[in-house]
Each structure stands twice: as structure tokens, then as C-alpha cells.
C-alpha atoms as a PDB file:
ATOM      1  CA  UNK A   1      26.241  98.883  14.223  1.00  0.00           C
ATOM      2  CA  UNK A   2      27.099 101.009  11.220  1.00  0.00           C
ATOM      3  CA  UNK A   3      26.913 104.210  13.273  1.00  0.00           C
ATOM      4  CA  UNK A   4      29.220 102.698  15.949  1.00  0.00           C
ATOM      5  CA  UNK A   5      31.750 101.658  13.307  1.00  0.00           C
ATOM      6  CA  UNK A   6      31.643 105.127  11.800  1.00  0.00           C
ATOM      7  CA  UNK A   7      32.307 106.625  15.252  1.00  0.00           C
ATOM      8  CA  UNK A   8      35.300 104.331  15.784  1.00  0.00           C
ATOM      9  CA  UNK A   9      36.617 105.241  12.354  1.00  0.00           C
ATOM     10  CA  UNK A  10      36.150 108.948  13.073  1.00  0.00           C
ATOM     11  CA  UNK A  11      37.994 108.684  16.422  1.00  0.00           C
ATOM     12  CA  UNK A  12      40.746 106.672  14.754  1.00  0.00           C
ATOM     13  CA  UNK A  13      41.178 109.305  12.070  1.00  0.00           C
ATOM     14  CA  UNK A  14      41.310 112.056  14.726  1.00  0.00           C
ATOM     15  CA  UNK A  15      44.007 110.186  16.633  1.00  0.00           C
ATOM     16  CA  UNK A  16      46.066 109.652  13.497  1.00  0.00           C
ATOM     17  CA  UNK A  17      45.739 113.333  12.580  1.00  0.00           C
ATOM     18  CA  UNK A  18      46.649 114.405  16.131  1.00  0.00           C
ATOM     19  CA  UNK A  19      49.720 112.160  16.231  1.00  0.00           C
ATOM     20  CA  UNK A  20      50.765 113.243  12.737  1.00  0.00           C
ATOM     21  CA  UNK A  21      50.305 116.909  13.632  1.00  0.00           C
ATOM     22  CA  UNK A  22      52.385 116.522  16.800  1.00  0.00           C
ATOM     23  CA  UNK A  23      55.063 114.636  14.861  1.00  0.00           C
ATOM     24  CA  UNK A  24      55.107 117.425  12.274  1.00  0.00           C
ATOM     25  CA  UNK A  25      55.436 120.022  15.058  1.00  0.00           C
ATOM     26  CA  UNK A  26      58.378 118.144  16.576  1.00  0.00           C
ATOM     27  CA  UNK A  27      59.941 117.629  13.167  1.00  0.00           C
ATOM     28  CA  UNK A  28      59.840 121.311  12.267  1.00  0.00           C
ATOM     29  CA  UNK A  29      59.914 123.319  15.481  1.00  0.00           C
ATOM     30  CA  UNK A  30      61.666 121.544  18.334  1.00  0.00           C
ATOM     31  CA  UNK A  31      64.929 119.634  18.659  1.00  0.00           C
ATOM     32  CA  UNK A  32      63.589 116.818  16.460  1.00  0.00           C
ATOM     33  CA  UNK A  33      63.749 119.222  13.523  1.00  0.00           C
ATOM     34  CA  UNK A  34      67.496 118.521  13.510  1.00  0.00           C
ATOM     35  CA  UNK A  35      69.724 115.517  12.912  1.00  0.00           C
ATOM     36  CA  UNK A  36      71.595 113.791  15.712  1.00  0.00           C
ATOM     37  CA  UNK A  37      74.666 112.392  13.983  1.00  0.00           C
ATOM     38  CA  UNK A  38      77.012 114.954  15.540  1.00  0.00           C
ATOM     39  CA  UNK A  39      76.687 113.792  19.148  1.00  0.00           C
ATOM     40  CA  UNK A  40      79.614 112.077  20.835  1.00  0.00           C
ATOM     41  CA  UNK A  41      81.009 111.577  24.320  1.00  0.00           C
ATOM     42  CA  UNK A  42      82.723 114.959  23.963  1.00  0.00           C
ATOM     43  CA  UNK A  43      80.157 116.910  21.886  1.00  0.00           C
ATOM     44  CA  UNK A  44      76.761 118.394  22.695  1.00  0.00           C
ATOM     45  CA  UNK A  45      74.159 120.166  20.569  1.00  0.00           C
ATOM     46  CA  UNK A  46      74.837 123.916  20.692  1.00  0.00           C
ATOM     47  CA  UNK A  47      72.224 125.152  18.211  1.00  0.00           C
ATOM     48  CA  UNK A  48      69.290 123.601  16.358  1.00  0.00           C
ATOM     49  CA  UNK A  49      67.413 125.589  13.748  1.00  0.00           C
ATOM     50  CA  UNK A  50      64.060 124.463  15.074  1.00  0.00           C
ATOM     51  CA  UNK A  51      61.740 127.300  15.999  1.00  0.00           C
ATOM     52  CA  UNK A  52      61.229 126.216  19.613  1.00  0.00           C
ATOM     53  CA  UNK A  53      64.809 125.124  20.286  1.00  0.00           C
ATOM     54  CA  UNK A  54      67.417 127.375  18.591  1.00  0.00           C
ATOM     55  CA  UNK A  55      70.259 128.470  20.888  1.00  0.00           C
ATOM     56  CA  UNK A  56      71.593 126.364  23.740  1.00  0.00           C
ATOM     57  CA  UNK A  57      75.333 127.134  23.915  1.00  0.00           C
ATOM     58  CA  UNK A  58      74.949 130.466  25.734  1.00  0.00           C
ATOM     59  CA  UNK A  59      73.128 128.764  28.608  1.00  0.00           C
ATOM     60  CA  UNK A  60      75.575 125.869  28.581  1.00  0.00           C
ATOM     61  CA  UNK A  61      78.265 128.304  29.704  1.00  0.00           C
ATOM     62  CA  UNK A  62      76.235 130.638  31.925  1.00  0.00           C
ATOM     63  CA  UNK A  63      74.641 127.794  33.908  1.00  0.00           C
ATOM     64  CA  UNK A  64      77.575 125.373  33.467  1.00  0.00           C
ATOM     65  CA  UNK A  65      75.267 122.770  31.920  1.00  0.00           C
ATOM     66  CA  UNK A  66      78.005 121.021  29.930  1.00  0.00           C
ATOM     67  CA  UNK A  67      80.949 120.396  32.239  1.00  0.00           C
ATOM     68  CA  UNK A  68      83.862 120.443  31.796  1.00  0.00           C
ATOM     69  CA  UNK A  69      83.433 123.047  29.010  1.00  0.00           C
ATOM     70  CA  UNK A  70      83.768 126.053  31.312  1.00  0.00           C
ATOM     71  CA  UNK A  71      86.702 124.484  33.143  1.00  0.00           C
ATOM     72  CA  UNK A  72      88.508 123.684  29.883  1.00  0.00           C
ATOM     73  CA  UNK A  73      87.979 127.243  28.665  1.00  0.00           C
ATOM     74  CA  UNK A  74      89.339 128.630  31.936  1.00  0.00           C
ATOM     75  CA  UNK A  75      92.439 126.398  31.782  1.00  0.00           C
ATOM     76  CA  UNK A  76      93.355 126.938  28.119  1.00  0.00           C
ATOM     77  CA  UNK A  77      96.730 128.468  27.258  1.00  0.00           C
ATOM     78  CA  UNK A  78      95.234 130.346  24.301  1.00  0.00           C
ATOM     79  CA  UNK A  79      91.666 131.625  24.408  1.00  0.00           C
ATOM     80  CA  UNK A  80      89.924 132.619  21.169  1.00  0.00           C
ATOM     81  CA  UNK A  81      87.154 135.201  21.557  1.00  0.00           C
ATOM     82  CA  UNK A  82      84.621 136.301  18.961  1.00  0.00           C
ATOM     83  CA  UNK A  83      81.524 135.236  17.086  1.00  0.00           C
ATOM     84  CA  UNK A  84      80.481 132.261  14.947  1.00  0.00           C
ATOM     85  CA  UNK A  85      82.692 133.460  12.065  1.00  0.00           C
ATOM     86  CA  UNK A  86      85.732 132.798  14.252  1.00  0.00           C
ATOM     87  CA  UNK A  87      84.281 129.503  15.488  1.00  0.00           C
ATOM     88  CA  UNK A  88      83.672 128.095  12.028  1.00  0.00           C
ATOM     89  CA  UNK A  89      86.953 129.380  10.601  1.00  0.00           C
ATOM     90  CA  UNK A  90      89.052 127.642  13.280  1.00  0.00           C
ATOM     91  CA  UNK A  91      87.039 124.485  13.959  1.00  0.00           C
ATOM     92  CA  UNK A  92      89.272 122.232  11.887  1.00  0.00           C
ATOM     93  CA  UNK A  93      92.231 119.891  11.857  1.00  0.00           C
ATOM     94  CA  UNK A  94      94.623 122.712  11.002  1.00  0.00           C
ATOM     95  CA  UNK A  95      93.992 124.306  14.409  1.00  0.00           C
ATOM     96  CA  UNK A  96      94.393 120.975  16.202  1.00  0.00           C
ATOM     97  CA  UNK A  97      97.633 120.291  14.355  1.00  0.00           C
ATOM     98  CA  UNK A  98      99.141 123.664  15.209  1.00  0.00           C
ATOM     99  CA  UNK A  99      98.434 123.381  18.929  1.00  0.00           C
ATOM    100  CA  UNK A 100      99.509 119.764  19.042  1.00  0.00           C
ATOM    101  CA  UNK A 101     102.887 120.809  17.608  1.00  0.00           C
ATOM    102  CA  UNK A 102     103.068 123.727  20.061  1.00  0.00           C
ATOM    103  CA  UNK A 103     102.178 121.407  22.975  1.00  0.00           C
ATOM    104  CA  UNK A 104      99.610 123.909  24.196  1.00  0.00           C
ATOM    105  CA  UNK A 105      95.902 123.898  24.992  1.00  0.00           C
ATOM    106  CA  UNK A 106      93.409 126.114  23.201  1.00  0.00           C
ATOM    107  CA  UNK A 107      89.732 126.882  23.517  1.00  0.00           C
ATOM    108  CA  UNK A 108      87.414 128.452  20.926  1.00  0.00           C
ATOM    109  CA  UNK A 109      85.110 130.603  23.050  1.00  0.00           C
ATOM    110  CA  UNK A 110      83.204 132.319  20.279  1.00  0.00           C
ATOM    111  CA  UNK A 111      79.406 132.321  20.172  1.00  0.00           C
ATOM    112  CA  UNK A 112      76.629 132.591  17.614  1.00  0.00           C
ATOM    113  CA  UNK A 113      74.237 135.554  17.320  1.00  0.00           C
ATOM    114  CA  UNK A 114      77.203 137.907  16.618  1.00  0.00           C
ATOM    115  CA  UNK A 115      78.125 137.753  20.280  1.00  0.00           C
ATOM    116  CA  UNK A 116      80.240 140.495  21.834  1.00  0.00           C
ATOM    117  CA  UNK A 117      81.836 141.720  25.063  1.00  0.00           C
ATOM    118  CA  UNK A 118      78.493 142.359  26.761  1.00  0.00           C
ATOM    119  CA  UNK A 119      78.171 138.579  27.159  1.00  0.00           C
ATOM    120  CA  UNK A 120      81.840 137.639  27.267  1.00  0.00           C
ATOM    121  CA  UNK A 121      82.609 139.951  30.176  1.00  0.00           C
ATOM    122  CA  UNK A 122      80.073 138.069  32.292  1.00  0.00           C
ATOM    123  CA  UNK A 123      81.769 134.752  31.516  1.00  0.00           C
ATOM    124  CA  UNK A 124      85.331 136.000  31.938  1.00  0.00           C
ATOM    125  CA  UNK A 125      84.583 137.449  35.382  1.00  0.00           C
ATOM    126  CA  UNK A 126      83.267 134.052  36.405  1.00  0.00           C
ATOM    127  CA  UNK A 127      86.012 132.000  34.735  1.00  0.00           C
ATOM    128  CA  UNK A 128      89.189 133.863  35.723  1.00  0.00           C
ATOM    129  CA  UNK A 129      90.965 132.429  32.635  1.00  0.00           C
ATOM    130  CA  UNK A 130      94.610 131.413  33.009  1.00  0.00           C
ATOM    131  CA  UNK A 131      95.308 131.881  29.279  1.00  0.00           C
ATOM    132  CA  UNK A 132      98.470 133.818  28.500  1.00  0.00           C
ATOM    133  CA  UNK A 133      97.189 134.645  24.998  1.00  0.00           C
ATOM    134  CA  UNK A 134      93.873 136.117  23.872  1.00  0.00           C
ATOM    135  CA  UNK A 135      93.114 135.938  20.143  1.00  0.00           C
ATOM    136  CA  UNK A 136      90.180 138.243  19.390  1.00  0.00           C
ATOM    137  CA  UNK A 137      88.162 138.476  16.186  1.00  0.00           C
ATOM    138  CA  UNK A 138      87.484 142.225  16.050  1.00  0.00           C
ATOM    139  CA  UNK A 139      84.315 141.888  13.938  1.00  0.00           C
ATOM    140  CA  UNK A 140      81.517 143.405  16.090  1.00  0.00           C
ATOM    141  CA  UNK A 141      83.197 142.028  19.231  1.00  0.00           C
ATOM    142  CA  UNK A 142      83.711 145.335  21.036  1.00  0.00           C
ATOM    143  CA  UNK A 143      80.035 146.223  21.108  1.00  0.00           C
ATOM    144  CA  UNK A 144      78.092 146.376  24.376  1.00  0.00           C
ATOM    145  CA  UNK A 145      74.667 145.896  22.840  1.00  0.00           C
ATOM    146  CA  UNK A 146      73.263 142.680  24.298  1.00  0.00           C
ATOM    147  CA  UNK A 147      72.153 140.106  21.750  1.00  0.00           C
ATOM    148  CA  UNK A 148      68.791 138.345  22.109  1.00  0.00           C
ATOM    149  CA  UNK A 149      70.567 135.154  23.181  1.00  0.00           C
ATOM    150  CA  UNK A 150      72.504 136.991  25.885  1.00  0.00           C
ATOM    151  CA  UNK A 151      69.396 138.747  27.154  1.00  0.00           C
ATOM    152  CA  UNK A 152      67.599 135.424  27.455  1.00  0.00           C
ATOM    153  CA  UNK A 153      70.208 133.734  29.657  1.00  0.00           C
ATOM    154  CA  UNK A 154      71.329 136.763  31.666  1.00  0.00           C
ATOM    155  CA  UNK A 155      68.001 138.398  32.550  1.00  0.00           C
ATOM    156  CA  UNK A 156      65.175 135.857  32.248  1.00  0.00           C
ATOM    157  CA  UNK A 157      64.376 134.502  35.727  1.00  0.00           C
ATOM    158  CA  UNK A 158      63.058 131.271  34.237  1.00  0.00           C
ATOM    159  CA  UNK A 159      65.964 130.756  31.849  1.00  0.00           C
ATOM    160  CA  UNK A 160      67.839 128.108  33.822  1.00  0.00           C
ATOM    161  CA  UNK A 161      64.817 125.797  34.033  1.00  0.00           C
ATOM    162  CA  UNK A 162      64.074 126.338  30.344  1.00  0.00           C
ATOM    163  CA  UNK A 163      67.595 125.444  29.301  1.00  0.00           C
ATOM    164  CA  UNK A 164      67.794 122.541  31.717  1.00  0.00           C
ATOM    165  CA  UNK A 165      64.864 121.114  29.746  1.00  0.00           C
ATOM    166  CA  UNK A 166      66.702 121.737  26.486  1.00  0.00           C
ATOM    167  CA  UNK A 167      69.681 119.872  27.902  1.00  0.00           C
ATOM    168  CA  UNK A 168      67.460 116.977  29.036  1.00  0.00           C
ATOM    169  CA  UNK A 169      65.812 116.747  25.603  1.00  0.00           C
ATOM    170  CA  UNK A 170      69.191 116.119  23.963  1.00  0.00           C
ATOM    171  CA  UNK A 171      69.390 112.650  25.536  1.00  0.00           C
ATOM    172  CA  UNK A 172      66.088 111.676  23.857  1.00  0.00           C
ATOM    173  CA  UNK A 173      67.133 113.327  20.623  1.00  0.00           C
ATOM    174  CA  UNK A 174      70.416 111.398  20.535  1.00  0.00           C
ATOM    175  CA  UNK A 175      68.720 108.048  21.225  1.00  0.00           C
ATOM    176  CA  UNK A 176      65.727 108.436  18.921  1.00  0.00           C
ATOM    177  CA  UNK A 177      67.199 110.333  15.976  1.00  0.00           C
ATOM    178  CA  UNK A 178      70.488 108.479  16.257  1.00  0.00           C
ATOM    179  CA  UNK A 179      68.708 105.134  15.767  1.00  0.00           C
ATOM    180  CA  UNK A 180      65.877 106.320  13.510  1.00  0.00           C
ATOM    181  CA  UNK A 181      67.183 109.345  11.556  1.00  0.00           C
ATOM    182  CA  UNK A 182      64.232 109.221   9.130  1.00  0.00           C
ATOM    183  CA  UNK A 183      61.930 110.309  11.996  1.00  0.00           C
ATOM    184  CA  UNK A 184      63.772 113.590  12.405  1.00  0.00           C
ATOM    185  CA  UNK A 185      64.173 116.730  10.342  1.00  0.00           C
ATOM    186  CA  UNK A 186      67.199 118.046   8.521  1.00  0.00           C
ATOM    187  CA  UNK A 187      67.402 121.605   9.777  1.00  0.00           C
ATOM    188  CA  UNK A 188      70.807 123.215  10.251  1.00  0.00           C
ATOM    189  CA  UNK A 189      72.451 122.101  13.493  1.00  0.00           C
ATOM    190  CA  UNK A 190      75.720 122.859  15.304  1.00  0.00           C
ATOM    191  CA  UNK A 191      77.413 120.545  17.782  1.00  0.00           C
ATOM    192  CA  UNK A 192      80.172 121.814  20.078  1.00  0.00           C
ATOM    193  CA  UNK A 193      83.196 120.195  21.682  1.00  0.00           C
ATOM    194  CA  UNK A 194      83.449 120.258  25.457  1.00  0.00           C
ATOM    195  CA  UNK A 195      87.215 119.833  25.146  1.00  0.00           C
ATOM    196  CA  UNK A 196      88.144 122.806  22.961  1.00  0.00           C
ATOM    197  CA  UNK A 197      84.879 124.560  22.018  1.00  0.00           C
ATOM    198  CA  UNK A 198      85.127 123.652  18.322  1.00  0.00           C
ATOM    199  CA  UNK A 199      82.022 123.514  16.149  1.00  0.00           C
ATOM    200  CA  UNK A 200      80.798 120.545  14.128  1.00  0.00           C
ATOM    201  CA  UNK A 201      78.065 121.517  11.655  1.00  0.00           C
ATOM    202  CA  UNK A 202      75.428 119.553   9.767  1.00  0.00           C
ATOM    203  CA  UNK A 203      75.144 120.014   6.861  1.00  0.00           C
ATOM    204  CA  UNK A 204      78.820 120.778   6.427  1.00  0.00           C
ATOM    205  CA  UNK A 205      78.700 122.425   3.017  1.00  0.00           C
ATOM    206  CA  UNK A 206      76.740 124.394   0.481  1.00  0.00           C
ATOM    207  CA  UNK A 207      77.821 124.957  -3.134  1.00  0.00           C
ATOM    208  CA  UNK A 208      80.194 127.868  -3.663  1.00  0.00           C
ATOM    209  CA  UNK A 209      78.471 130.872  -5.210  1.00  0.00           C
ATOM    210  CA  UNK A 210      80.140 134.020  -6.566  1.00  0.00           C
ATOM    211  CA  UNK A 211      77.969 136.239  -4.368  1.00  0.00           C
ATOM    212  CA  UNK A 212      79.344 134.447  -1.296  1.00  0.00           C
ATOM    213  CA  UNK A 213      82.965 135.255  -2.045  1.00  0.00           C
ATOM    214  CA  UNK A 214      84.850 136.838   0.860  1.00  0.00           C
ATOM    215  CA  UNK A 215      85.273 140.422  -0.372  1.00  0.00           C
ATOM    216  CA  UNK A 216      86.119 143.255   1.994  1.00  0.00           C
ATOM    217  CA  UNK A 217      84.042 146.395   2.342  1.00  0.00           C
ATOM    218  CA  UNK A 218      86.371 149.392   2.698  1.00  0.00           C
ATOM    219  CA  UNK A 219      83.721 151.729   4.133  1.00  0.00           C
ATOM    220  CA  UNK A 220      84.173 152.960   7.706  1.00  0.00           C
ATOM    221  CA  UNK A 221      81.578 153.970  10.277  1.00  0.00           C
ATOM    222  CA  UNK A 222      83.612 156.484  12.307  1.00  0.00           C
ATOM    223  CA  UNK A 223      81.126 156.577  15.202  1.00  0.00           C
ATOM    224  CA  UNK A 224      81.208 152.789  15.509  1.00  0.00           C
ATOM    225  CA  UNK A 225      84.997 152.756  15.381  1.00  0.00           C
ATOM    226  CA  UNK A 226      85.208 155.373  18.135  1.00  0.00           C
ATOM    227  CA  UNK A 227      82.764 153.523  20.377  1.00  0.00           C
ATOM    228  CA  UNK A 228      84.361 150.129  19.753  1.00  0.00           C
ATOM    229  CA  UNK A 229      87.849 151.478  20.421  1.00  0.00           C
ATOM    230  CA  UNK A 230      86.804 152.932  23.786  1.00  0.00           C
ATOM    231  CA  UNK A 231      85.068 149.676  24.723  1.00  0.00           C
ATOM    232  CA  UNK A 232      88.106 147.665  23.646  1.00  0.00           C
ATOM    233  CA  UNK A 233      90.504 149.705  25.765  1.00  0.00           C
ATOM    234  CA  UNK A 234      88.299 149.213  28.846  1.00  0.00           C
ATOM    235  CA  UNK A 235      87.875 145.504  28.112  1.00  0.00           C
ATOM    236  CA  UNK A 236      91.594 144.839  27.696  1.00  0.00           C
ATOM    237  CA  UNK A 237      92.438 146.848  30.797  1.00  0.00           C
ATOM    238  CA  UNK A 238      90.168 144.661  32.911  1.00  0.00           C
ATOM    239  CA  UNK A 239      90.729 141.224  31.364  1.00  0.00           C
ATOM    240  CA  UNK A 240      94.029 141.199  29.478  1.00  0.00           C
ATOM    241  CA  UNK A 241      96.561 142.695  31.873  1.00  0.00           C
ATOM    242  CA  UNK A 242      99.809 140.733  31.563  1.00  0.00           C
ATOM    243  CA  UNK A 243      98.502 138.731  28.595  1.00  0.00           C
ATOM    244  CA  UNK A 244      99.438 138.764  24.928  1.00  0.00           C
ATOM    245  CA  UNK A 245      96.569 140.007  22.775  1.00  0.00           C
ATOM    246  CA  UNK A 246      96.361 139.211  19.063  1.00  0.00           C
ATOM    247  CA  UNK A 247      93.656 140.873  17.009  1.00  0.00           C
ATOM    248  CA  UNK A 248      92.406 139.385  13.760  1.00  0.00           C
ATOM    249  CA  UNK A 249      89.479 139.682  11.376  1.00  0.00           C
ATOM    250  CA  UNK A 250      87.979 136.552   9.816  1.00  0.00           C
ATOM    251  CA  UNK A 251      86.938 137.373   6.238  1.00  0.00           C
ATOM    252  CA  UNK A 252      83.386 137.154   4.946  1.00  0.00           C
ATOM    253  CA  UNK A 253      81.322 138.714   2.179  1.00  0.00           C
ATOM    254  CA  UNK A 254      81.542 142.508   2.658  1.00  0.00           C
ATOM    255  CA  UNK A 255      83.584 142.214   5.862  1.00  0.00           C
ATOM    256  CA  UNK A 256      84.661 145.499   7.464  1.00  0.00           C
ATOM    257  CA  UNK A 257      88.419 144.972   7.615  1.00  0.00           C
ATOM    258  CA  UNK A 258      89.153 148.703   7.290  1.00  0.00           C
ATOM    259  CA  UNK A 259      87.097 149.299  10.441  1.00  0.00           C
ATOM    260  CA  UNK A 260      88.919 146.474  12.199  1.00  0.00           C
ATOM    261  CA  UNK A 261      92.240 148.052  11.246  1.00  0.00           C
ATOM    262  CA  UNK A 262      91.084 151.414  12.614  1.00  0.00           C
ATOM    263  CA  UNK A 263      89.983 149.845  15.914  1.00  0.00           C
ATOM    264  CA  UNK A 264      93.287 147.974  16.216  1.00  0.00           C
ATOM    265  CA  UNK A 265      95.192 151.195  15.581  1.00  0.00           C
ATOM    266  CA  UNK A 266      93.143 152.969  18.247  1.00  0.00           C
ATOM    267  CA  UNK A 267      93.961 150.232  20.745  1.00  0.00           C
ATOM    268  CA  UNK A 268      97.633 150.325  19.800  1.00  0.00           C
ATOM    269  CA  UNK A 269      97.855 146.744  18.541  1.00  0.00           C
ATOM    270  CA  UNK A 270      98.439 145.342  15.038  1.00  0.00           C
ATOM    271  CA  UNK A 271      95.692 143.491  13.188  1.00  0.00           C
ATOM    272  CA  UNK A 272      97.093 140.089  12.226  1.00  0.00           C
ATOM    273  CA  UNK A 273      95.484 138.801   9.048  1.00  0.00           C
ATOM    274  CA  UNK A 274      96.900 136.581   6.285  1.00  0.00           C
ATOM    275  CA  UNK A 275      98.120 138.535   3.277  1.00  0.00           C
ATOM    276  CA  UNK A 276      97.535 137.752  -0.399  1.00  0.00           C
ATOM    277  CA  UNK A 277      94.915 135.100   0.372  1.00  0.00           C
ATOM    278  CA  UNK A 278      92.422 135.330  -2.464  1.00  0.00           C
ATOM    279  CA  UNK A 279      89.661 132.992  -3.567  1.00  0.00           C
ATOM    280  CA  UNK A 280      87.991 132.464  -0.197  1.00  0.00           C
ATOM    281  CA  UNK A 281      84.307 131.575  -0.134  1.00  0.00           C
ATOM    282  CA  UNK A 282      81.567 131.448   2.457  1.00  0.00           C
ATOM    283  CA  UNK A 283      78.595 129.113   2.682  1.00  0.00           C
ATOM    284  CA  UNK A 284      76.106 131.867   3.443  1.00  0.00           C
ATOM    285  CA  UNK A 285      77.883 135.186   3.040  1.00  0.00           C
ATOM    286  CA  UNK A 286      79.088 135.067   6.651  1.00  0.00           C
ATOM    287  CA  UNK A 287      80.937 131.815   7.402  1.00  0.00           C
ATOM    288  CA  UNK A 288      83.875 130.381   5.486  1.00  0.00           C
ATOM    289  CA  UNK A 289      83.319 127.029   3.815  1.00  0.00           C
ATOM    290  CA  UNK A 290      85.546 124.131   4.868  1.00  0.00           C
ATOM    291  CA  UNK A 291      88.165 124.515   2.141  1.00  0.00           C
ATOM    292  CA  UNK A 292      88.436 128.271   2.674  1.00  0.00           C
ATOM    293  CA  UNK A 293      88.468 127.918   6.467  1.00  0.00           C
ATOM    294  CA  UNK A 294      91.310 125.428   6.262  1.00  0.00           C
ATOM    295  CA  UNK A 295      93.313 127.740   3.987  1.00  0.00           C
ATOM    296  CA  UNK A 296      92.651 130.771   6.169  1.00  0.00           C
ATOM    297  CA  UNK A 297      93.538 128.910   9.377  1.00  0.00           C
ATOM    298  CA  UNK A 298      96.888 127.706   8.062  1.00  0.00           C
ATOM    299  CA  UNK A 299      97.710 131.185   6.758  1.00  0.00           C
ATOM    300  CA  UNK A 300      96.649 132.775  10.051  1.00  0.00           C
ATOM    301  CA  UNK A 301      98.945 130.543  12.103  1.00  0.00           C
ATOM    302  CA  UNK A 302     101.771 131.210   9.662  1.00  0.00           C
ATOM    303  CA  UNK A 303     101.302 134.923  10.390  1.00  0.00           C
ATOM    304  CA  UNK A 304     100.403 134.849  14.094  1.00  0.00           C
ATOM    305  CA  UNK A 305     102.125 131.616  15.131  1.00  0.00           C
ATOM    306  CA  UNK A 306     105.545 133.086  15.993  1.00  0.00           C
ATOM    307  CA  UNK A 307     104.003 135.624  18.381  1.00  0.00           C
ATOM    308  CA  UNK A 308     101.750 132.997  19.982  1.00  0.00           C
ATOM    309  CA  UNK A 309     104.734 130.670  20.491  1.00  0.00           C
ATOM    310  CA  UNK A 310     106.824 133.486  21.971  1.00  0.00           C
ATOM    311  CA  UNK A 311     104.049 134.304  24.443  1.00  0.00           C
ATOM    312  CA  UNK A 312     103.635 130.647  25.400  1.00  0.00           C
ATOM    313  CA  UNK A 313     107.364 130.276  25.958  1.00  0.00           C
ATOM    314  CA  UNK A 314     107.396 133.414  28.091  1.00  0.00           C
ATOM    315  CA  UNK A 315     104.441 132.444  30.266  1.00  0.00           C
ATOM    316  CA  UNK A 316     104.657 128.658  30.011  1.00  0.00           C
ATOM    317  CA  UNK A 317     102.109 126.276  28.496  1.00  0.00           C
ATOM    318  CA  UNK A 318     100.223 123.529  30.283  1.00  0.00           C
ATOM    319  CA  UNK A 319     100.838 121.000  27.495  1.00  0.00           C
ATOM    320  CA  UNK A 320      98.363 119.410  25.143  1.00  0.00           C
END
């Protein structure tokens, strides 16, 4: 009897360890490593910093997994193109307020992983955007080197099935972690609006640190400028004929604004950036914190707003 009880105890311990190990794996590596409080009827999970989940937003657009995101991007009056620096800088009430006053529709079509034209060209050829204005964050955008995220969705034959599973797992994540948040991890997570592409991040903030101040690096890589300028000219010739194009450069720690200015000059367009805007901070050296993003956004629209409005009046806006 004692040996049988010991066996039952041993099996019980194994089961507890197995369940605990699986729970730990989910809590640190998959979607359950992240919180679920950012979901809504109009928002989906774009990125979860769990080792076996990570990026989803690239596939959401390539495979049209989150309708009507692609449709809303295609029908926007003003299309913003760039990377996550642009996304985080403009994902705020200041952007909503400006476009509400202008009675125009916008879409933030930037992507994480320092995304560039190698991926965006694929989407734009599929979308045929009706936007009369392109606002482009020059930072690394005119590179044709495919990012790891782009390679995964554009060239992996099994990618669609893999990302369909990621999409399916979000329904469980929302239900379970939404009701029982203590069961889930607290890794960094980004939710994205289907309506206008805006980001919603958790956690929202980190303490400001002097080393994360947005200070520009004045060095210039001439070879990179030359290559980017040639790529930009080809890109604009194919996708921006008859459109207004506004170039900008969202600040970050050691941002290459001098390079952005050189690329803009090579294209023959001005670089529109707010002037005399000091004291901006990032959360991680790359992305503006909320206070700084709000300040930068308002200053950007003060500088670029008249041209955007003129273009919208010339071409007509669909209304907000």
C-alpha cells in the first residue's frame, strides 16, 4: 500500500511539474507572455515580445488577416510611411485632432523591424492607394535590404498557415488574459488600430533618462546617402506620381538628420521637421515617449499642416 501511494504521489508531482513547466513556457515564450488589456473591437495584437510569437503585423497586411486594415490604408487621404519611430510618434490624440479638423482620413502604415521600401513596395502594388499625400519618415526607409520580418512573410511557403495560427491564438489570449491577467506575463506588447493603423503600447512609459534624449548625429555615410537617394527616386516615380510627398525625420537618440537632409536634397524635396524643439526624450533610445511624441506631433503639423491642407484641397478629401 505504501509503495502504491508513493507511486501516486510521484505521478502527481510529475503532472504538477509538467503543467507548471508548460505554463512557464506559455508565460515567457508565446502570446501568453504578454498582457491583453489593449484589445478592442477595432484593435488587434501587432507584436508580442514572447520568443515564439513576436511579429504579427507584417502578415496581417500581406495576408489580409485583419480586415478592413488594408482597405482603410488604401482609402486614406494621407498615408504615412516609415518604421516604428513614425508609428509611435504619431499614434496620439494630436494626430486624431488634426485630421478631424481637416475632415480627412489618415492611415499610419509604418512597421516595426526598421521596415523599408523592400516590404512597402509589395503592399503598395497590391493596395493601389488613393491617398493624395504621402508623408515619409526618411530614416532607413529607402533601403532595399529585406528585414527578417519581411523575409518571413514574403518568402516562407508556410508563413500564411503560421500566421493564421497566431491570429487564432489572439482570441484565446483576449478571453483568458483579459479575465485572468495574473495568469499572463508582462512582456512588451503593441496593439494596432484597424481604422487608422495607430499603435497602442503596453507598458506605455519608461522613466526619462539623459542617455535617451533625442540628440542628432551629424555624421554622414555618403555611400548610404547615394544608394538611398537612387532608391527614393525610383520609388517615388512608381508610387507617388501626381501625389504630394512630404519628407520628415522623427528624432531619436543619435538620429541621422544630416543624412535625411542630404537624401531629401538629392530627391529635390524639402525635409519638413519642427524647428527649435528641444528637450525631447525616448523610452529606449529609439522611440519618443508620450509627452515628447505629443509635442513633436503638434509641432510637425504646425510645420507641415499648410502643405497637407493645400494638397487635400487640390485633390479632394473623403471626409473623416
